[in-house]
Every structure is written in C-alpha cells, then in structure tokens.
Amino acid sequence: MINRYERRIFSGKAEAYRSSRVGRIYRYHRALGLVYSALRRWGTSSDMHSAIFQLEHAIKTVKDNNQVNDAKRQVEPQLVALLATAYENAERHSDAVKLKMDACSQYLDNQDFSAAEYLIRQSKADSRAPEQVQQIWIGLEKQLDDLKRQR
C-alpha cells in the first residue's frame, strides 16, 4: 500500500522543503516515520525509506526551527518513544536510552511534566534496561515529583 503513495508523499515533502514550510516538513517526516514504524521498516539514519531516518528528521526539524526562530516547540513524547523503539529494533540500545533521557531532561527544563512523565513511565516499565539505567529513571521521576510539588 505504501508503495502506491510513497512517490507522491516524497514529492509533497520535497515541495515543502522548496517552499521552506517547516510545519509541513515536520508533518511529512512525522507521517512517514509513523508509517514506516507500523511496517516495522526500522532502517538506518541514512535510509530515507525507514522509520529511523524519518523520525530523526522530524525531531531535527523541530530543533533546527527552534534555534533559528528562538522558539520552544517540543517534539511529542510519543514520537521520541517511537524513535527509541526503532533504535532498539536496530540494536542501537545506547542511542535509545540517550534519546529518551535527553528528551526527558528537556521536558523537565521546560516544565512539560506530562511529557516527562510519559517517557519516565514507559522507560521504567522496560524490564530489559540495566539496573544503572533504571536508577537514572527513578532519579528523573523523583526530580519530576519535586518539580510538581514546587509548582
């Protein structure tokens, strides 16, 4: 099914790049990342027909736009979690942990408690994570609780 529409989607994304429509660029990368994830086409950072490439570029689009426009838009935690899942499936375990921890720290800095809580809950539930990583998540959860109380 995706093969039938893939060319048109990529054409639309190229047009969004040509016209510098950042919102559309983000939405195209996000949509393609979701589709490739559903198809379990995890791929690599260099394969544009993969979840990893598209999700990385969606996140990078937001970060780059924030730097250029001094904005504070955040990537939704579900997208971060999905890219982490793609990394895990590609045997990039340390990248998955780093991605989630960096995003969680950013959510805490911006006081987006629900986003931080989403990643913390999901990560703490991962029984495959080493004890040291689990302890870091417990520490982040404590930090979240402290910040909520200060509010």
C-alpha atoms as a PDB file:
ATOM      1  CA  MET A   1       0.000   0.000   0.000  1.00  0.00           C
ATOM      2  CA  ILE A   2       2.740   2.477   0.910  1.00  0.00           C
ATOM      3  CA  ASN A   3       4.498   1.838  -2.401  1.00  0.00           C
ATOM      4  CA  ARG A   4       1.418   3.139  -4.173  1.00  0.00           C
ATOM      5  CA  TYR A   5       1.561   6.537  -2.425  1.00  0.00           C
ATOM      6  CA  GLU A   6       5.220   6.819  -1.449  1.00  0.00           C
ATOM      7  CA  ARG A   7       6.309   8.768  -4.522  1.00  0.00           C
ATOM      8  CA  ARG A   8       3.527  11.362  -4.066  1.00  0.00           C
ATOM      9  CA  ILE A   9       4.314  11.734  -0.365  1.00  0.00           C
ATOM     10  CA  PHE A  10       8.005  12.284  -1.090  1.00  0.00           C
ATOM     11  CA  SER A  11       7.078  14.753  -3.819  1.00  0.00           C
ATOM     12  CA  GLY A  12       4.944  16.698  -1.342  1.00  0.00           C
ATOM     13  CA  LYS A  13       7.767  16.674   1.183  1.00  0.00           C
ATOM     14  CA  ALA A  14      10.202  17.970  -1.449  1.00  0.00           C
ATOM     15  CA  GLU A  15       7.815  20.810  -2.236  1.00  0.00           C
ATOM     16  CA  ALA A  16       7.583  21.645   1.474  1.00  0.00           C
ATOM     17  CA  TYR A  17      11.395  21.875   1.565  1.00  0.00           C
ATOM     18  CA  ARG A  18      11.498  24.050  -1.585  1.00  0.00           C
ATOM     19  CA  SER A  19       8.986  26.467  -0.092  1.00  0.00           C
ATOM     20  CA  SER A  20      10.589  26.338   3.395  1.00  0.00           C
ATOM     21  CA  ARG A  21       7.321  25.329   5.065  1.00  0.00           C
ATOM     22  CA  VAL A  22       8.741  23.995   8.305  1.00  0.00           C
ATOM     23  CA  GLY A  23       5.414  22.798   9.692  1.00  0.00           C
ATOM     24  CA  ARG A  24       4.753  20.742   6.595  1.00  0.00           C
ATOM     25  CA  ILE A  25       8.296  19.382   6.515  1.00  0.00           C
ATOM     26  CA  TYR A  26       7.835  18.205  10.086  1.00  0.00           C
ATOM     27  CA  ARG A  27       4.440  16.654   9.345  1.00  0.00           C
ATOM     28  CA  TYR A  28       5.758  14.787   6.294  1.00  0.00           C
ATOM     29  CA  HIS A  29       8.724  13.354   8.222  1.00  0.00           C
ATOM     30  CA  ARG A  30       6.450  12.503  11.152  1.00  0.00           C
ATOM     31  CA  ALA A  31       3.840  10.806   8.947  1.00  0.00           C
ATOM     32  CA  LEU A  32       6.442   8.794   7.045  1.00  0.00           C
ATOM     33  CA  GLY A  33       8.112   7.817  10.324  1.00  0.00           C
ATOM     34  CA  LEU A  34       4.793   6.588  11.684  1.00  0.00           C
ATOM     35  CA  VAL A  35       4.039   4.603   8.524  1.00  0.00           C
ATOM     36  CA  TYR A  36       7.489   3.003   8.357  1.00  0.00           C
ATOM     37  CA  SER A  37       7.278   2.187  12.076  1.00  0.00           C
ATOM     38  CA  ALA A  38       3.922   0.478  11.566  1.00  0.00           C
ATOM     39  CA  LEU A  39       5.531  -1.514   8.763  1.00  0.00           C
ATOM     40  CA  ARG A  40       8.490  -2.280  11.071  1.00  0.00           C
ATOM     41  CA  ARG A  41      10.805  -0.828   8.449  1.00  0.00           C
ATOM     42  CA  TRP A  42      13.285   0.464  11.043  1.00  0.00           C
ATOM     43  CA  GLY A  43      16.249   1.009   8.702  1.00  0.00           C
ATOM     44  CA  THR A  44      19.118   3.384   9.373  1.00  0.00           C
ATOM     45  CA  SER A  45      19.872   7.076   9.706  1.00  0.00           C
ATOM     46  CA  SER A  46      20.882   7.164   6.043  1.00  0.00           C
ATOM     47  CA  ASP A  47      17.937   5.234   4.533  1.00  0.00           C
ATOM     48  CA  MET A  48      15.208   7.739   3.713  1.00  0.00           C
ATOM     49  CA  HIS A  49      12.719   4.894   3.340  1.00  0.00           C
ATOM     50  CA  SER A  50      12.972   3.992   7.015  1.00  0.00           C
ATOM     51  CA  ALA A  51      11.423   4.920  10.340  1.00  0.00           C
ATOM     52  CA  ILE A  52      14.759   5.941  11.853  1.00  0.00           C
ATOM     53  CA  PHE A  53      15.601   8.397   9.075  1.00  0.00           C
ATOM     54  CA  GLN A  54      12.150   9.987   9.013  1.00  0.00           C
ATOM     55  CA  LEU A  55      11.725  10.241  12.786  1.00  0.00           C
ATOM     56  CA  GLU A  56      15.235  11.641  13.249  1.00  0.00           C
ATOM     57  CA  HIS A  57      14.496  14.268  10.616  1.00  0.00           C
ATOM     58  CA  ALA A  58      11.145  15.152  12.185  1.00  0.00           C
ATOM     59  CA  ILE A  59      12.886  15.770  15.518  1.00  0.00           C
ATOM     60  CA  LYS A  60      15.761  17.620  13.848  1.00  0.00           C
ATOM     61  CA  THR A  61      13.275  19.857  12.011  1.00  0.00           C
ATOM     62  CA  VAL A  62      11.762  20.956  15.317  1.00  0.00           C
ATOM     63  CA  LYS A  63      15.167  21.523  16.938  1.00  0.00           C
ATOM     64  CA  ASP A  64      16.539  23.468  13.959  1.00  0.00           C
ATOM     65  CA  ASN A  65      13.415  25.617  13.768  1.00  0.00           C
ATOM     66  CA  ASN A  66      13.653  26.333  17.494  1.00  0.00           C
ATOM     67  CA  GLN A  67      17.257  27.519  17.112  1.00  0.00           C
ATOM     68  CA  VAL A  68      16.571  29.698  14.084  1.00  0.00           C
ATOM     69  CA  ASN A  69      13.377  31.248  15.441  1.00  0.00           C
ATOM     70  CA  ASP A  70      14.237  31.194  19.153  1.00  0.00           C
ATOM     71  CA  ALA A  71      11.146  29.050  19.679  1.00  0.00           C
ATOM     72  CA  LYS A  72      10.395  26.428  22.305  1.00  0.00           C
ATOM     73  CA  ARG A  73       8.315  23.908  20.390  1.00  0.00           C
ATOM     74  CA  GLN A  74       8.779  20.396  21.676  1.00  0.00           C
ATOM     75  CA  VAL A  75       8.512  17.064  19.978  1.00  0.00           C
ATOM     76  CA  GLU A  76       5.694  14.994  21.399  1.00  0.00           C
ATOM     77  CA  PRO A  77       6.996  12.254  23.704  1.00  0.00           C
ATOM     78  CA  GLN A  78       5.240   9.535  21.699  1.00  0.00           C
ATOM     79  CA  LEU A  79       7.456  10.399  18.715  1.00  0.00           C
ATOM     80  CA  VAL A  80      10.567  10.266  20.897  1.00  0.00           C
ATOM     81  CA  ALA A  81       9.438   6.889  22.256  1.00  0.00           C
ATOM     82  CA  LEU A  82       8.786   5.605  18.742  1.00  0.00           C
ATOM     83  CA  LEU A  83      12.268   6.602  17.570  1.00  0.00           C
ATOM     84  CA  ALA A  84      13.707   4.941  20.678  1.00  0.00           C
ATOM     85  CA  THR A  85      11.785   1.779  19.766  1.00  0.00           C
ATOM     86  CA  ALA A  86      13.202   1.963  16.240  1.00  0.00           C
ATOM     87  CA  TYR A  87      16.719   2.314  17.689  1.00  0.00           C
ATOM     88  CA  GLU A  88      16.108  -0.696  19.933  1.00  0.00           C
ATOM     89  CA  ASN A  89      14.957  -2.763  16.968  1.00  0.00           C
ATOM     90  CA  ALA A  90      18.078  -1.705  15.076  1.00  0.00           C
ATOM     91  CA  GLU A  91      20.239  -2.806  18.046  1.00  0.00           C
ATOM     92  CA  ARG A  92      21.122   0.814  18.888  1.00  0.00           C
ATOM     93  CA  HIS A  93      20.307   0.464  22.575  1.00  0.00           C
ATOM     94  CA  SER A  94      22.525   3.258  23.891  1.00  0.00           C
ATOM     95  CA  ASP A  95      21.083   5.676  21.315  1.00  0.00           C
ATOM     96  CA  ALA A  96      17.576   4.787  22.506  1.00  0.00           C
ATOM     97  CA  VAL A  97      18.421   5.471  26.139  1.00  0.00           C
ATOM     98  CA  LYS A  98      20.280   8.709  25.361  1.00  0.00           C
ATOM     99  CA  LEU A  99      17.430   9.982  23.175  1.00  0.00           C
ATOM    100  CA  LYS A 100      14.810   9.376  25.868  1.00  0.00           C
ATOM    101  CA  MET A 101      16.925  10.779  28.695  1.00  0.00           C
ATOM    102  CA  ASP A 102      17.843  13.919  26.748  1.00  0.00           C
ATOM    103  CA  ALA A 103      14.200  14.477  25.791  1.00  0.00           C
ATOM    104  CA  CYS A 104      13.026  13.862  29.353  1.00  0.00           C
ATOM    105  CA  SER A 105      15.556  16.377  30.712  1.00  0.00           C
ATOM    106  CA  GLN A 106      14.364  18.930  28.164  1.00  0.00           C
ATOM    107  CA  TYR A 107      10.731  18.317  29.126  1.00  0.00           C
ATOM    108  CA  LEU A 108      11.633  18.820  32.782  1.00  0.00           C
ATOM    109  CA  ASP A 109      13.558  22.024  31.989  1.00  0.00           C
ATOM    110  CA  ASN A 110      10.506  23.336  30.127  1.00  0.00           C
ATOM    111  CA  GLN A 111       8.170  22.123  32.878  1.00  0.00           C
ATOM    112  CA  ASP A 112       6.281  19.875  30.485  1.00  0.00           C
ATOM    113  CA  PHE A 113       5.549  17.396  33.226  1.00  0.00           C
ATOM    114  CA  SER A 114       3.113  15.205  31.303  1.00  0.00           C
ATOM    115  CA  ALA A 115       5.670  14.638  28.512  1.00  0.00           C
ATOM    116  CA  ALA A 116       8.415  13.824  31.025  1.00  0.00           C
ATOM    117  CA  GLU A 117       6.100  11.505  32.923  1.00  0.00           C
ATOM    118  CA  TYR A 118       5.180   9.663  29.717  1.00  0.00           C
ATOM    119  CA  LEU A 119       8.819   8.853  28.949  1.00  0.00           C
ATOM    120  CA  ILE A 120       9.664   8.011  32.554  1.00  0.00           C
ATOM    121  CA  ARG A 121       6.748   5.582  32.891  1.00  0.00           C
ATOM    122  CA  GLN A 122       7.487   3.925  29.589  1.00  0.00           C
ATOM    123  CA  SER A 123      11.192   3.628  30.342  1.00  0.00           C
ATOM    124  CA  LYS A 124      10.765   2.352  33.882  1.00  0.00           C
ATOM    125  CA  ALA A 125       8.484  -0.379  32.532  1.00  0.00           C
ATOM    126  CA  ASP A 126      11.284  -1.697  30.299  1.00  0.00           C
ATOM    127  CA  SER A 127      12.491  -4.750  32.186  1.00  0.00           C
ATOM    128  CA  ARG A 128      15.383  -5.199  29.736  1.00  0.00           C
ATOM    129  CA  ALA A 129      17.080  -1.983  30.878  1.00  0.00           C
ATOM    130  CA  PRO A 130      20.188  -2.435  33.029  1.00  0.00           C
ATOM    131  CA  GLU A 131      19.875  -1.603  36.731  1.00  0.00           C
ATOM    132  CA  GLN A 132      22.043   1.513  36.328  1.00  0.00           C
ATOM    133  CA  VAL A 133      19.672   2.889  33.671  1.00  0.00           C
ATOM    134  CA  GLN A 134      16.637   2.035  35.818  1.00  0.00           C
ATOM    135  CA  GLN A 135      18.199   4.009  38.689  1.00  0.00           C
ATOM    136  CA  ILE A 136      18.602   7.046  36.437  1.00  0.00           C
ATOM    137  CA  TRP A 137      14.917   6.837  35.512  1.00  0.00           C
ATOM    138  CA  ILE A 138      13.997   6.597  39.194  1.00  0.00           C
ATOM    139  CA  GLY A 139      16.092   9.725  39.814  1.00  0.00           C
ATOM    140  CA  LEU A 140      14.341  11.564  36.986  1.00  0.00           C
ATOM    141  CA  GLU A 141      10.989  10.509  38.409  1.00  0.00           C
ATOM    142  CA  LYS A 142      11.996  11.945  41.793  1.00  0.00           C
ATOM    143  CA  GLN A 143      13.073  15.173  40.106  1.00  0.00           C
ATOM    144  CA  LEU A 144       9.694  15.307  38.348  1.00  0.00           C
ATOM    145  CA  ASP A 145       7.837  14.784  41.621  1.00  0.00           C
ATOM    146  CA  ASP A 146       9.897  17.538  43.302  1.00  0.00           C
ATOM    147  CA  LEU A 147       9.170  19.962  40.461  1.00  0.00           C
ATOM    148  CA  LYS A 148       5.458  19.182  40.611  1.00  0.00           C
ATOM    149  CA  ARG A 149       5.401  19.873  44.352  1.00  0.00           C
ATOM    150  CA  GLN A 150       7.160  23.229  43.858  1.00  0.00           C
ATOM    151  CA  ARG A 151       4.534  24.325  41.399  1.00  0.00           C
END
